[in-house]
C-alpha atoms as a PDB file:
ATOM      1  CA  MET A   1       0.000   0.000   0.000  1.00  0.00           C
ATOM      2  CA  ALA A   2       1.300   3.474  -0.875  1.00  0.00           C
ATOM      3  CA  GLU A   3       2.281   5.771   1.946  1.00  0.00           C
ATOM      4  CA  LEU A   4       0.135   8.891   2.185  1.00  0.00           C
ATOM      5  CA  LYS A   5       1.718  12.189   3.122  1.00  0.00           C
ATOM      6  CA  ALA A   6      -0.286  15.082   4.456  1.00  0.00           C
ATOM      7  CA  LEU A   7       0.699  18.405   2.985  1.00  0.00           C
ATOM      8  CA  ARG A   8       0.692  21.461   5.208  1.00  0.00           C
ATOM      9  CA  GLN A   9      -2.265  23.550   4.184  1.00  0.00           C
ATOM     10  CA  PRO A  10      -1.684  27.283   3.949  1.00  0.00           C
ATOM     11  CA  ASP A  11      -3.094  29.541   6.616  1.00  0.00           C
ATOM     12  CA  PHE A  12      -5.499  32.294   5.606  1.00  0.00           C
ATOM     13  CA  VAL A  13      -5.059  35.561   7.466  1.00  0.00           C
ATOM     14  CA  LYS A  14      -7.357  38.533   6.866  1.00  0.00           C
ATOM     15  CA  ILE A  15      -6.207  41.787   8.431  1.00  0.00           C
ATOM     16  CA  SER A  16      -8.206  45.009   8.542  1.00  0.00           C
ATOM     17  CA  TRP A  17      -6.110  48.064   9.303  1.00  0.00           C
ATOM     18  CA  THR A  18      -6.315  51.827   9.601  1.00  0.00           C
ATOM     19  CA  ARG A  19      -4.053  54.821  10.049  1.00  0.00           C
ATOM     20  CA  ASN A  20      -4.565  58.385  11.185  1.00  0.00           C
ATOM     21  CA  PRO A  21      -5.262  60.365   7.978  1.00  0.00           C
ATOM     22  CA  LEU A  22      -4.495  63.639   9.764  1.00  0.00           C
ATOM     23  CA  VAL A  23      -0.884  62.649  10.459  1.00  0.00           C
ATOM     24  CA  PRO A  24       1.244  62.122   7.324  1.00  0.00           C
ATOM     25  CA  GLY A  25       3.292  58.925   7.573  1.00  0.00           C
ATOM     26  CA  SER A  26       1.391  57.647  10.604  1.00  0.00           C
ATOM     27  CA  ALA A  27       1.740  53.963  11.420  1.00  0.00           C
ATOM     28  CA  ARG A  28      -0.805  51.502  10.095  1.00  0.00           C
ATOM     29  CA  ARG A  29      -2.557  49.777  13.006  1.00  0.00           C
ATOM     30  CA  ILE A  30      -4.514  46.527  13.009  1.00  0.00           C
ATOM     31  CA  VAL A  31      -8.249  46.950  13.604  1.00  0.00           C
ATOM     32  CA  SER A  32      -9.294  43.293  13.326  1.00  0.00           C
ATOM     33  CA  VAL A  33      -7.827  39.915  12.392  1.00  0.00           C
ATOM     34  CA  ARG A  34      -9.392  36.669  11.184  1.00  0.00           C
ATOM     35  CA  VAL A  35      -7.192  33.559  10.978  1.00  0.00           C
ATOM     36  CA  ILE A  36      -8.176  30.303   9.312  1.00  0.00           C
ATOM     37  CA  GLY A  37      -5.482  27.787  10.140  1.00  0.00           C
ATOM     38  CA  SER A  38      -3.019  28.432  12.905  1.00  0.00           C
ATOM     39  CA  ALA A  39      -0.479  31.159  12.039  1.00  0.00           C
ATOM     40  CA  GLU A  40       0.972  29.955  15.345  1.00  0.00           C
ATOM     41  CA  LEU A  41       4.313  31.748  15.152  1.00  0.00           C
ATOM     42  CA  CYS A  42       2.677  35.120  14.516  1.00  0.00           C
ATOM     43  CA  LYS A  43      -0.170  35.103  17.033  1.00  0.00           C
ATOM     44  CA  ALA A  44       1.635  37.595  19.258  1.00  0.00           C
ATOM     45  CA  THR A  45       1.807  40.132  16.410  1.00  0.00           C
ATOM     46  CA  LEU A  46      -1.753  39.607  15.129  1.00  0.00           C
ATOM     47  CA  VAL A  47      -3.432  41.733  17.780  1.00  0.00           C
ATOM     48  CA  THR A  48      -5.814  44.690  17.676  1.00  0.00           C
ATOM     49  CA  ILE A  49      -3.960  48.010  17.767  1.00  0.00           C
ATOM     50  CA  GLY A  50      -0.720  46.169  16.849  1.00  0.00           C
ATOM     51  CA  LEU A  51       1.507  47.465  14.070  1.00  0.00           C
ATOM     52  CA  LEU A  52       0.647  46.126  10.617  1.00  0.00           C
ATOM     53  CA  ILE A  53       4.284  46.080   9.474  1.00  0.00           C
ATOM     54  CA  THR A  54       5.293  43.839  12.388  1.00  0.00           C
ATOM     55  CA  ALA A  55       2.517  41.337  11.638  1.00  0.00           C
ATOM     56  CA  LEU A  56       3.265  41.290   7.905  1.00  0.00           C
ATOM     57  CA  SER A  57       6.986  40.779   8.514  1.00  0.00           C
ATOM     58  CA  CYS A  58       6.256  37.822  10.788  1.00  0.00           C
ATOM     59  CA  LEU A  59       3.827  36.256   8.301  1.00  0.00           C
ATOM     60  CA  LEU A  60       6.290  36.688   5.427  1.00  0.00           C
ATOM     61  CA  ASP A  61       9.120  35.120   7.451  1.00  0.00           C
ATOM     62  CA  ASP A  62       6.870  32.174   8.347  1.00  0.00           C
ATOM     63  CA  PHE A  63       5.840  31.785   4.682  1.00  0.00           C
ATOM     64  CA  GLN A  64       9.449  31.784   3.478  1.00  0.00           C
ATOM     65  CA  ASN A  65      10.424  29.178   6.090  1.00  0.00           C
ATOM     66  CA  HIS A  66       7.695  26.737   5.006  1.00  0.00           C
ATOM     67  CA  VAL A  67       7.706  27.050   1.219  1.00  0.00           C
ATOM     68  CA  PRO A  68      10.506  25.414  -0.783  1.00  0.00           C
ATOM     69  CA  GLU A  69      12.584  27.906  -2.786  1.00  0.00           C
ATOM     70  CA  LYS A  70      11.684  26.387  -6.167  1.00  0.00           C
ATOM     71  CA  ASN A  71       7.958  27.059  -5.605  1.00  0.00           C
ATOM     72  CA  VAL A  72       8.239  30.732  -4.632  1.00  0.00           C
ATOM     73  CA  LYS A  73       7.506  33.135  -7.480  1.00  0.00           C
ATOM     74  CA  CYS A  74       8.044  36.828  -6.866  1.00  0.00           C
END
């Protein structure tokens, strides 16, 4: 019988964010987050009022660590 291997399914992360339109260059802040999957390594950064750039950096690092180089197209 053939051995079955489970592939890691991608996580889906939806982030709603805002920034202060009265302050040029103000930081983008997370308003709400919805995660389907785990996104375990980035849970600490996916918080309301957290910085969007910090959460995105964490998610990108996690993505690059789990996807083989030959499959990444940029």
